[in-house]
Amino acid sequence: MTRSLLSRLADSLRARGLKETLRYYAGRAALKLNAIEDVAATRLRLAEHFNQVFDATVQYGPFSGFRFTATSWWSDINRASMLFGFYEQEVLNALVSASRERSVFIDIGAADGYYAVAAVSQGLFDQSHAFEISEQGRSMIRENALLNGVADQISIHGEADASELAMIPEAQRNDAVVLIDIEGAEFAFLTAGVVELLKRAIVIIELHEWLLDDGSERLVELRERAAEHFTVTVLTTSIRDLSAYPELDTVSDSERWLLCSEGRGRRMQWWVLSPMRPV
């Protein structure tokens, strides 16, 4: 143990020099003693701060005016970037564009209803179907819908599958934008039957192939199924311009850029499926 520690210390001295080595090990010790915050703790503190500053209400972007409930089930650590309107900015932009020609929103993996409720309450869509496997999540969707005055425009469902989707009237499915974010289960969910049911919809899929051992093969298979009915556009995490937010002028550089973090393991990718034969 001692030789291993001394060996690592010697390697660090060669690579970093004395000053940076002392800084590195002092930082590690401070973390263990809870004397400084780690990244997740800092993000959570910033989220709680701006949640109070903005009274839990989105201030910028297409969801501006959407109000969160006092408690949170899923969105707590990402709350600041949601309030500033740049959380999953790529998805937001795609939703705004697609909403110009569609009036129904279907959210599969709706969590606490950030998309499912805000997309309706802020006027992008007329009605929403929220599919969420968690009972706690469904409860939060209901609370957010009531708080924002759109409970009558939102239908809340449990786990999504082909039979559940088939219960949504065909006219609504054909007039829908569908967002799928189910942490790697998208490949099993998007069977040939489900793709057939959604073939007239605009479908946005958050991809998590890197979570699966055979993810690369699953990705190829999904593209082949999708290609029967859709053209595929690829989105990836893009830039964030923080110069437009005066509330961030006095925030340190490190914390300001941490506000952009979505805590992902790698650069995210989404597919936007546009039907070849729209309604």
C-alpha atoms as a PDB file:
ATOM      1  CA  MET A   1       0.000   0.000   0.000  1.00  0.00           C
ATOM      2  CA  THR A   2       2.778   2.422   1.052  1.00  0.00           C
ATOM      3  CA  ARG A   3       4.939   1.594  -1.974  1.00  0.00           C
ATOM      4  CA  SER A   4       1.903   2.051  -4.244  1.00  0.00           C
ATOM      5  CA  LEU A   5       1.133   5.462  -2.768  1.00  0.00           C
ATOM      6  CA  LEU A   6       4.790   6.529  -3.000  1.00  0.00           C
ATOM      7  CA  SER A   7       4.906   5.331  -6.603  1.00  0.00           C
ATOM      8  CA  ARG A   8       1.808   7.352  -7.506  1.00  0.00           C
ATOM      9  CA  LEU A   9       3.258  10.376  -5.720  1.00  0.00           C
ATOM     10  CA  ALA A  10       6.520  10.048  -7.659  1.00  0.00           C
ATOM     11  CA  ASP A  11       4.604   9.734 -10.952  1.00  0.00           C
ATOM     12  CA  SER A  12       2.568  12.821 -10.083  1.00  0.00           C
ATOM     13  CA  LEU A  13       5.679  14.839  -9.225  1.00  0.00           C
ATOM     14  CA  ARG A  14       7.232  13.942 -12.568  1.00  0.00           C
ATOM     15  CA  ALA A  15       4.062  14.723 -14.520  1.00  0.00           C
ATOM     16  CA  ARG A  16       2.755  17.779 -12.640  1.00  0.00           C
ATOM     17  CA  GLY A  17       5.616  19.208 -10.634  1.00  0.00           C
ATOM     18  CA  LEU A  18       5.605  19.945  -6.899  1.00  0.00           C
ATOM     19  CA  LYS A  19       3.072  22.812  -6.888  1.00  0.00           C
ATOM     20  CA  GLU A  20       0.402  21.029  -8.930  1.00  0.00           C
ATOM     21  CA  THR A  21       0.964  17.753  -7.071  1.00  0.00           C
ATOM     22  CA  LEU A  22       0.364  19.487  -3.739  1.00  0.00           C
ATOM     23  CA  ARG A  23      -2.731  21.179  -5.178  1.00  0.00           C
ATOM     24  CA  TYR A  24      -4.035  17.859  -6.507  1.00  0.00           C
ATOM     25  CA  TYR A  25      -3.639  15.915  -3.262  1.00  0.00           C
ATOM     26  CA  ALA A  26      -4.911  18.820  -1.166  1.00  0.00           C
ATOM     27  CA  GLY A  27      -8.033  18.867  -3.312  1.00  0.00           C
ATOM     28  CA  ARG A  28      -8.558  15.144  -2.915  1.00  0.00           C
ATOM     29  CA  ALA A  29      -8.176  15.436   0.857  1.00  0.00           C
ATOM     30  CA  ALA A  30     -10.618  18.351   0.988  1.00  0.00           C
ATOM     31  CA  LEU A  31     -13.184  16.340  -0.957  1.00  0.00           C
ATOM     32  CA  LYS A  32     -12.895  13.421   1.452  1.00  0.00           C
ATOM     33  CA  LEU A  33     -13.347  15.776   4.397  1.00  0.00           C
ATOM     34  CA  ASN A  34     -16.358  17.448   2.675  1.00  0.00           C
ATOM     35  CA  ALA A  35     -14.457  20.735   2.846  1.00  0.00           C
ATOM     36  CA  ILE A  36     -15.159  21.500  -0.810  1.00  0.00           C
ATOM     37  CA  GLU A  37     -17.942  20.565  -3.209  1.00  0.00           C
ATOM     38  CA  ASP A  38     -17.667  18.042  -5.987  1.00  0.00           C
ATOM     39  CA  VAL A  39     -19.215  18.765  -9.387  1.00  0.00           C
ATOM     40  CA  ALA A  40     -22.590  17.195  -8.620  1.00  0.00           C
ATOM     41  CA  ALA A  41     -22.929  19.108  -5.351  1.00  0.00           C
ATOM     42  CA  THR A  42     -22.091  22.380  -7.084  1.00  0.00           C
ATOM     43  CA  ARG A  43     -24.636  21.749  -9.828  1.00  0.00           C
ATOM     44  CA  LEU A  44     -27.292  20.959  -7.231  1.00  0.00           C
ATOM     45  CA  ARG A  45     -26.484  24.089  -5.225  1.00  0.00           C
ATOM     46  CA  LEU A  46     -26.748  26.249  -8.357  1.00  0.00           C
ATOM     47  CA  ALA A  47     -30.017  24.553  -9.285  1.00  0.00           C
ATOM     48  CA  GLU A  48     -31.499  25.289  -5.858  1.00  0.00           C
ATOM     49  CA  HIS A  49     -30.233  28.886  -5.968  1.00  0.00           C
ATOM     50  CA  PHE A  50     -31.758  29.751  -9.332  1.00  0.00           C
ATOM     51  CA  ASN A  51     -34.916  27.836  -8.510  1.00  0.00           C
ATOM     52  CA  GLN A  52     -35.420  30.339  -5.664  1.00  0.00           C
ATOM     53  CA  VAL A  53     -34.316  33.353  -7.728  1.00  0.00           C
ATOM     54  CA  PHE A  54     -36.793  32.514 -10.502  1.00  0.00           C
ATOM     55  CA  ASP A  55     -39.550  31.179  -8.244  1.00  0.00           C
ATOM     56  CA  ALA A  56     -39.339  27.785 -10.003  1.00  0.00           C
ATOM     57  CA  THR A  57     -40.443  29.392 -13.280  1.00  0.00           C
ATOM     58  CA  VAL A  58     -38.657  29.036 -16.633  1.00  0.00           C
ATOM     59  CA  GLN A  59     -37.385  32.459 -17.695  1.00  0.00           C
ATOM     60  CA  TYR A  60     -36.030  31.942 -21.209  1.00  0.00           C
ATOM     61  CA  GLY A  61     -36.628  29.863 -24.307  1.00  0.00           C
ATOM     62  CA  PRO A  62     -39.770  28.262 -25.741  1.00  0.00           C
ATOM     63  CA  PHE A  63     -40.933  27.030 -22.319  1.00  0.00           C
ATOM     64  CA  SER A  64     -40.680  30.484 -20.725  1.00  0.00           C
ATOM     65  CA  GLY A  65     -43.453  30.855 -18.142  1.00  0.00           C
ATOM     66  CA  PHE A  66     -43.697  27.170 -17.280  1.00  0.00           C
ATOM     67  CA  ARG A  67     -43.830  26.688 -13.495  1.00  0.00           C
ATOM     68  CA  PHE A  68     -42.338  23.738 -11.607  1.00  0.00           C
ATOM     69  CA  THR A  69     -43.920  22.314  -8.476  1.00  0.00           C
ATOM     70  CA  ALA A  70     -42.148  22.966  -5.184  1.00  0.00           C
ATOM     71  CA  THR A  71     -40.825  19.404  -4.978  1.00  0.00           C
ATOM     72  CA  SER A  72     -39.017  17.490  -7.699  1.00  0.00           C
ATOM     73  CA  TRP A  73     -38.653  13.831  -8.570  1.00  0.00           C
ATOM     74  CA  TRP A  74     -36.355  13.845 -11.598  1.00  0.00           C
ATOM     75  CA  SER A  75     -35.261  17.334 -12.635  1.00  0.00           C
ATOM     76  CA  ASP A  76     -33.609  18.693  -9.482  1.00  0.00           C
ATOM     77  CA  ILE A  77     -29.955  18.678 -10.569  1.00  0.00           C
ATOM     78  CA  ASN A  78     -30.791  19.973 -14.083  1.00  0.00           C
ATOM     79  CA  ARG A  79     -33.231  22.594 -12.827  1.00  0.00           C
ATOM     80  CA  ALA A  80     -30.964  25.610 -13.462  1.00  0.00           C
ATOM     81  CA  SER A  81     -30.384  24.843 -17.137  1.00  0.00           C
ATOM     82  CA  MET A  82     -34.124  24.227 -17.549  1.00  0.00           C
ATOM     83  CA  LEU A  83     -34.948  27.578 -15.953  1.00  0.00           C
ATOM     84  CA  PHE A  84     -32.529  29.303 -18.320  1.00  0.00           C
ATOM     85  CA  GLY A  85     -34.016  27.436 -21.273  1.00  0.00           C
ATOM     86  CA  PHE A  86     -30.902  25.723 -22.576  1.00  0.00           C
ATOM     87  CA  TYR A  87     -31.408  22.214 -21.173  1.00  0.00           C
ATOM     88  CA  GLU A  88     -31.454  19.865 -24.194  1.00  0.00           C
ATOM     89  CA  GLN A  89     -31.549  22.935 -26.389  1.00  0.00           C
ATOM     90  CA  GLU A  90     -31.301  20.722 -29.470  1.00  0.00           C
ATOM     91  CA  VAL A  91     -34.514  18.903 -28.542  1.00  0.00           C
ATOM     92  CA  LEU A  92     -36.291  22.176 -27.732  1.00  0.00           C
ATOM     93  CA  ASN A  93     -35.403  23.602 -31.133  1.00  0.00           C
ATOM     94  CA  ALA A  94     -36.602  20.443 -32.869  1.00  0.00           C
ATOM     95  CA  LEU A  95     -39.897  20.551 -30.942  1.00  0.00           C
ATOM     96  CA  VAL A  96     -40.495  24.182 -31.848  1.00  0.00           C
ATOM     97  CA  SER A  97     -39.869  23.449 -35.512  1.00  0.00           C
ATOM     98  CA  ALA A  98     -42.078  20.337 -35.552  1.00  0.00           C
ATOM     99  CA  SER A  99     -44.902  22.020 -33.611  1.00  0.00           C
ATOM    100  CA  ARG A 100     -45.580  24.319 -36.568  1.00  0.00           C
ATOM    101  CA  GLU A 101     -47.177  21.419 -38.409  1.00  0.00           C
ATOM    102  CA  ARG A 102     -48.402  19.160 -35.583  1.00  0.00           C
ATOM    103  CA  SER A 103     -50.806  19.667 -32.671  1.00  0.00           C
ATOM    104  CA  VAL A 104     -50.299  16.518 -30.532  1.00  0.00           C
ATOM    105  CA  PHE A 105     -47.283  15.709 -28.358  1.00  0.00           C
ATOM    106  CA  ILE A 106     -46.484  12.168 -27.186  1.00  0.00           C
ATOM    107  CA  ASP A 107     -43.776  11.920 -24.529  1.00  0.00           C
ATOM    108  CA  ILE A 108     -42.426   8.428 -23.869  1.00  0.00           C
ATOM    109  CA  GLY A 109     -40.315   8.470 -20.721  1.00  0.00           C
ATOM    110  CA  ALA A 110     -41.984  11.641 -19.463  1.00  0.00           C
ATOM    111  CA  ALA A 111     -40.260  11.701 -16.038  1.00  0.00           C
ATOM    112  CA  ASP A 112     -41.916  14.533 -14.061  1.00  0.00           C
ATOM    113  CA  GLY A 113     -43.556  16.161 -17.060  1.00  0.00           C
ATOM    114  CA  TYR A 114     -41.125  18.918 -18.003  1.00  0.00           C
ATOM    115  CA  TYR A 115     -41.719  18.303 -21.711  1.00  0.00           C
ATOM    116  CA  ALA A 116     -45.189  16.790 -21.576  1.00  0.00           C
ATOM    117  CA  VAL A 117     -46.665  19.653 -19.569  1.00  0.00           C
ATOM    118  CA  ALA A 118     -44.625  22.627 -20.771  1.00  0.00           C
ATOM    119  CA  ALA A 119     -45.101  21.764 -24.441  1.00  0.00           C
ATOM    120  CA  VAL A 120     -48.851  22.224 -23.907  1.00  0.00           C
ATOM    121  CA  SER A 121     -48.920  24.957 -21.274  1.00  0.00           C
ATOM    122  CA  GLN A 122     -46.651  27.172 -23.368  1.00  0.00           C
ATOM    123  CA  GLY A 123     -48.682  26.667 -26.506  1.00  0.00           C
ATOM    124  CA  LEU A 124     -46.499  24.465 -28.704  1.00  0.00           C
ATOM    125  CA  PHE A 125     -49.148  21.719 -28.830  1.00  0.00           C
ATOM    126  CA  ASP A 126     -52.858  21.430 -28.095  1.00  0.00           C
ATOM    127  CA  GLN A 127     -52.696  18.167 -26.203  1.00  0.00           C
ATOM    128  CA  SER A 128     -50.169  15.769 -24.754  1.00  0.00           C
ATOM    129  CA  HIS A 129     -49.883  12.070 -23.944  1.00  0.00           C
ATOM    130  CA  ALA A 130     -47.334  11.376 -21.195  1.00  0.00           C
ATOM    131  CA  PHE A 131     -46.053   7.810 -20.770  1.00  0.00           C
ATOM    132  CA  GLU A 132     -44.103   7.225 -17.568  1.00  0.00           C
ATOM    133  CA  ILE A 133     -43.360   3.875 -15.956  1.00  0.00           C
ATOM    134  CA  SER A 134     -42.835   5.329 -12.460  1.00  0.00           C
ATOM    135  CA  GLU A 135     -45.898   5.936 -10.293  1.00  0.00           C
ATOM    136  CA  GLN A 136     -44.054   8.791  -8.575  1.00  0.00           C
ATOM    137  CA  GLY A 137     -43.288  10.310 -11.948  1.00  0.00           C
ATOM    138  CA  ARG A 138     -46.933  10.084 -13.014  1.00  0.00           C
ATOM    139  CA  SER A 139     -47.925  11.810  -9.785  1.00  0.00           C
ATOM    140  CA  MET A 140     -45.495  14.663 -10.495  1.00  0.00           C
ATOM    141  CA  ILE A 141     -46.797  15.017 -14.057  1.00  0.00           C
ATOM    142  CA  ARG A 142     -50.296  15.363 -12.633  1.00  0.00           C
ATOM    143  CA  GLU A 143     -49.140  18.010 -10.139  1.00  0.00           C
ATOM    144  CA  ASN A 144     -47.264  19.985 -12.789  1.00  0.00           C
ATOM    145  CA  ALA A 145     -50.262  19.847 -15.124  1.00  0.00           C
ATOM    146  CA  LEU A 146     -52.579  21.156 -12.391  1.00  0.00           C
ATOM    147  CA  LEU A 147     -50.143  23.889 -11.395  1.00  0.00           C
ATOM    148  CA  ASN A 148     -49.900  25.104 -14.985  1.00  0.00           C
ATOM    149  CA  GLY A 149     -53.638  24.871 -15.646  1.00  0.00           C
ATOM    150  CA  VAL A 150     -53.534  22.228 -18.392  1.00  0.00           C
ATOM    151  CA  ALA A 151     -54.671  19.051 -16.628  1.00  0.00           C
ATOM    152  CA  ASP A 152     -57.533  18.649 -19.101  1.00  0.00           C
ATOM    153  CA  GLN A 153     -55.095  18.693 -22.046  1.00  0.00           C
ATOM    154  CA  ILE A 154     -52.801  15.949 -20.782  1.00  0.00           C
ATOM    155  CA  SER A 155     -53.420  12.208 -20.718  1.00  0.00           C
ATOM    156  CA  ILE A 156     -51.129  10.294 -18.350  1.00  0.00           C
ATOM    157  CA  HIS A 157     -50.245   6.666 -19.081  1.00  0.00           C
ATOM    158  CA  GLY A 158     -48.001   3.987 -17.621  1.00  0.00           C
ATOM    159  CA  GLU A 159     -45.417   2.013 -19.568  1.00  0.00           C
ATOM    160  CA  ALA A 160     -45.598   2.449 -23.335  1.00  0.00           C
ATOM    161  CA  ASP A 161     -45.838  -0.459 -25.745  1.00  0.00           C
ATOM    162  CA  ALA A 162     -47.533  -1.186 -29.062  1.00  0.00           C
ATOM    163  CA  SER A 163     -50.917  -1.956 -27.502  1.00  0.00           C
ATOM    164  CA  GLU A 164     -50.882   1.247 -25.411  1.00  0.00           C
ATOM    165  CA  LEU A 165     -49.907   3.359 -28.418  1.00  0.00           C
ATOM    166  CA  ALA A 166     -52.651   1.757 -30.479  1.00  0.00           C
ATOM    167  CA  MET A 167     -55.167   3.089 -27.936  1.00  0.00           C
ATOM    168  CA  ILE A 168     -54.333   6.634 -29.033  1.00  0.00           C
ATOM    169  CA  PRO A 169     -56.621   7.450 -31.975  1.00  0.00           C
ATOM    170  CA  GLU A 170     -54.875   7.114 -35.324  1.00  0.00           C
ATOM    171  CA  ALA A 171     -55.684  10.709 -36.248  1.00  0.00           C
ATOM    172  CA  GLN A 172     -53.793  11.894 -33.147  1.00  0.00           C
ATOM    173  CA  ARG A 173     -50.803   9.617 -33.790  1.00  0.00           C
ATOM    174  CA  ASN A 174     -50.595  10.885 -37.345  1.00  0.00           C
ATOM    175  CA  ASP A 175     -50.667  14.487 -36.077  1.00  0.00           C
ATOM    176  CA  ALA A 176     -48.070  13.902 -33.369  1.00  0.00           C
ATOM    177  CA  VAL A 177     -44.534  14.729 -32.449  1.00  0.00           C
ATOM    178  CA  VAL A 178     -43.157  11.858 -30.368  1.00  0.00           C
ATOM    179  CA  LEU A 179     -40.241  12.236 -27.957  1.00  0.00           C
ATOM    180  CA  ILE A 180     -38.614   9.003 -26.751  1.00  0.00           C
ATOM    181  CA  ASP A 181     -36.143   9.097 -23.856  1.00  0.00           C
ATOM    182  CA  ILE A 182     -36.047   5.756 -22.057  1.00  0.00           C
ATOM    183  CA  GLU A 183     -32.377   5.223 -21.181  1.00  0.00           C
ATOM    184  CA  GLY A 184     -31.440   2.468 -23.613  1.00  0.00           C
ATOM    185  CA  ALA A 185     -34.834   0.745 -23.795  1.00  0.00           C
ATOM    186  CA  GLU A 186     -35.572   2.586 -27.047  1.00  0.00           C
ATOM    187  CA  PHE A 187     -34.183  -0.290 -29.118  1.00  0.00           C
ATOM    188  CA  ALA A 188     -36.488  -2.888 -27.573  1.00  0.00           C
ATOM    189  CA  PHE A 189     -39.424  -0.467 -27.600  1.00  0.00           C
ATOM    190  CA  LEU A 190     -39.162   0.566 -31.258  1.00  0.00           C
ATOM    191  CA  THR A 191     -40.199  -2.747 -32.749  1.00  0.00           C
ATOM    192  CA  ALA A 192     -41.381  -2.993 -36.338  1.00  0.00           C
ATOM    193  CA  GLY A 193     -44.947  -2.827 -34.989  1.00  0.00           C
ATOM    194  CA  VAL A 194     -44.330   0.387 -33.025  1.00  0.00           C
ATOM    195  CA  VAL A 195     -42.529   1.967 -35.974  1.00  0.00           C
ATOM    196  CA  GLU A 196     -45.534   1.104 -38.127  1.00  0.00           C
ATOM    197  CA  LEU A 197     -47.910   2.744 -35.623  1.00  0.00           C
ATOM    198  CA  LEU A 198     -45.803   5.942 -35.629  1.00  0.00           C
ATOM    199  CA  LYS A 199     -44.961   6.037 -39.335  1.00  0.00           C
ATOM    200  CA  ARG A 200     -46.829   9.344 -39.918  1.00  0.00           C
ATOM    201  CA  ALA A 201     -45.515  11.025 -36.762  1.00  0.00           C
ATOM    202  CA  ILE A 202     -42.349  13.069 -36.322  1.00  0.00           C
ATOM    203  CA  VAL A 203     -40.235  11.067 -33.864  1.00  0.00           C
ATOM    204  CA  ILE A 204     -37.307  12.336 -31.782  1.00  0.00           C
ATOM    205  CA  ILE A 205     -35.222   9.622 -30.114  1.00  0.00           C
ATOM    206  CA  GLU A 206     -32.551  10.161 -27.474  1.00  0.00           C
ATOM    207  CA  LEU A 207     -30.031   7.395 -28.148  1.00  0.00           C
ATOM    208  CA  HIS A 208     -28.215   5.416 -25.453  1.00  0.00           C
ATOM    209  CA  GLU A 209     -26.534   2.660 -27.458  1.00  0.00           C
ATOM    210  CA  TRP A 210     -23.383   3.156 -25.378  1.00  0.00           C
ATOM    211  CA  LEU A 211     -25.224   1.755 -22.356  1.00  0.00           C
ATOM    212  CA  LEU A 212     -25.653  -1.635 -24.068  1.00  0.00           C
ATOM    213  CA  ASP A 213     -23.037  -4.275 -24.809  1.00  0.00           C
ATOM    214  CA  ASP A 214     -24.492  -4.746 -28.305  1.00  0.00           C
ATOM    215  CA  GLY A 215     -25.455  -1.098 -28.736  1.00  0.00           C
ATOM    216  CA  SER A 216     -23.720  -0.618 -32.093  1.00  0.00           C
ATOM    217  CA  GLU A 217     -25.617  -3.539 -33.610  1.00  0.00           C
ATOM    218  CA  ARG A 218     -28.897  -2.304 -32.090  1.00  0.00           C
ATOM    219  CA  LEU A 219     -28.292   1.119 -33.643  1.00  0.00           C
ATOM    220  CA  VAL A 220     -27.828  -0.385 -37.113  1.00  0.00           C
ATOM    221  CA  GLU A 221     -30.977  -2.491 -36.742  1.00  0.00           C
ATOM    222  CA  LEU A 222     -33.022   0.506 -35.578  1.00  0.00           C
ATOM    223  CA  ARG A 223     -31.872   2.603 -38.516  1.00  0.00           C
ATOM    224  CA  GLU A 224     -32.885  -0.185 -40.896  1.00  0.00           C
ATOM    225  CA  ARG A 225     -36.378  -0.359 -39.346  1.00  0.00           C
ATOM    226  CA  ALA A 226     -36.745   3.413 -39.365  1.00  0.00           C
ATOM    227  CA  ALA A 227     -35.583   3.700 -42.987  1.00  0.00           C
ATOM    228  CA  GLU A 228     -38.719   1.905 -44.174  1.00  0.00           C
ATOM    229  CA  HIS A 229     -40.854   4.916 -43.238  1.00  0.00           C
ATOM    230  CA  PHE A 230     -38.590   7.815 -42.256  1.00  0.00           C
ATOM    231  CA  THR A 231     -35.663   9.946 -43.205  1.00  0.00           C
ATOM    232  CA  VAL A 232     -33.209  10.335 -40.325  1.00  0.00           C
ATOM    233  CA  THR A 233     -31.539  13.567 -39.176  1.00  0.00           C
ATOM    234  CA  VAL A 234     -28.853  13.351 -36.485  1.00  0.00           C
ATOM    235  CA  LEU A 235     -28.598  15.955 -33.722  1.00  0.00           C
ATOM    236  CA  THR A 236     -25.730  16.236 -31.240  1.00  0.00           C
ATOM    237  CA  THR A 237     -25.106  18.446 -28.231  1.00  0.00           C
ATOM    238  CA  SER A 238     -24.148  21.869 -29.563  1.00  0.00           C
ATOM    239  CA  ILE A 239     -22.959  25.229 -28.224  1.00  0.00           C
ATOM    240  CA  ARG A 240     -24.473  27.275 -25.416  1.00  0.00           C
ATOM    241  CA  ASP A 241     -24.165  31.070 -25.541  1.00  0.00           C
ATOM    242  CA  LEU A 242     -24.312  32.395 -21.981  1.00  0.00           C
ATOM    243  CA  SER A 243     -23.812  36.044 -22.883  1.00  0.00           C
ATOM    244  CA  ALA A 244     -27.561  36.617 -23.172  1.00  0.00           C
ATOM    245  CA  TYR A 245     -28.354  36.016 -19.484  1.00  0.00           C
ATOM    246  CA  PRO A 246     -27.662  39.012 -17.217  1.00  0.00           C
ATOM    247  CA  GLU A 247     -28.317  36.852 -14.141  1.00  0.00           C
ATOM    248  CA  LEU A 248     -25.037  35.060 -14.912  1.00  0.00           C
ATOM    249  CA  ASP A 249     -22.837  38.145 -15.208  1.00  0.00           C
ATOM    250  CA  THR A 250     -21.626  37.859 -11.618  1.00  0.00           C
ATOM    251  CA  VAL A 251     -21.369  34.063 -11.546  1.00  0.00           C
ATOM    252  CA  SER A 252     -17.837  32.641 -11.719  1.00  0.00           C
ATOM    253  CA  ASP A 253     -16.610  31.120 -14.976  1.00  0.00           C
ATOM    254  CA  SER A 254     -16.451  27.622 -13.477  1.00  0.00           C
ATOM    255  CA  GLU A 255     -19.981  27.747 -12.105  1.00  0.00           C
ATOM    256  CA  ARG A 256     -21.399  29.450 -15.194  1.00  0.00           C
ATOM    257  CA  TRP A 257     -20.192  26.661 -17.453  1.00  0.00           C
ATOM    258  CA  LEU A 258     -21.261  23.994 -14.983  1.00  0.00           C
ATOM    259  CA  LEU A 259     -24.794  25.300 -15.480  1.00  0.00           C
ATOM    260  CA  CYS A 260     -24.552  23.966 -19.040  1.00  0.00           C
ATOM    261  CA  SER A 261     -23.634  20.478 -17.905  1.00  0.00           C
ATOM    262  CA  GLU A 262     -26.335  17.832 -18.211  1.00  0.00           C
ATOM    263  CA  GLY A 263     -24.178  15.291 -16.376  1.00  0.00           C
ATOM    264  CA  ARG A 264     -23.928  12.931 -19.329  1.00  0.00           C
ATOM    265  CA  GLY A 265     -21.317  10.230 -19.794  1.00  0.00           C
ATOM    266  CA  ARG A 266     -20.571  11.364 -23.350  1.00  0.00           C
ATOM    267  CA  ARG A 267     -21.743  13.762 -26.040  1.00  0.00           C
ATOM    268  CA  MET A 268     -25.434  13.057 -26.581  1.00  0.00           C
ATOM    269  CA  GLN A 269     -27.015  12.123 -29.887  1.00  0.00           C
ATOM    270  CA  TRP A 270     -30.635  12.247 -31.009  1.00  0.00           C
ATOM    271  CA  TRP A 271     -32.338  11.068 -34.170  1.00  0.00           C
ATOM    272  CA  VAL A 272     -35.183  13.039 -35.685  1.00  0.00           C
ATOM    273  CA  LEU A 273     -37.339  10.749 -37.820  1.00  0.00           C
ATOM    274  CA  SER A 274     -39.360  12.601 -40.464  1.00  0.00           C
ATOM    275  CA  PRO A 275     -42.042  10.550 -42.240  1.00  0.00           C
ATOM    276  CA  MET A 276     -41.473   9.933 -45.934  1.00  0.00           C
ATOM    277  CA  ARG A 277     -45.220   9.965 -46.507  1.00  0.00           C
ATOM    278  CA  PRO A 278     -46.659  12.597 -44.116  1.00  0.00           C
ATOM    279  CA  VAL A 279     -50.404  12.961 -43.658  1.00  0.00           C
END
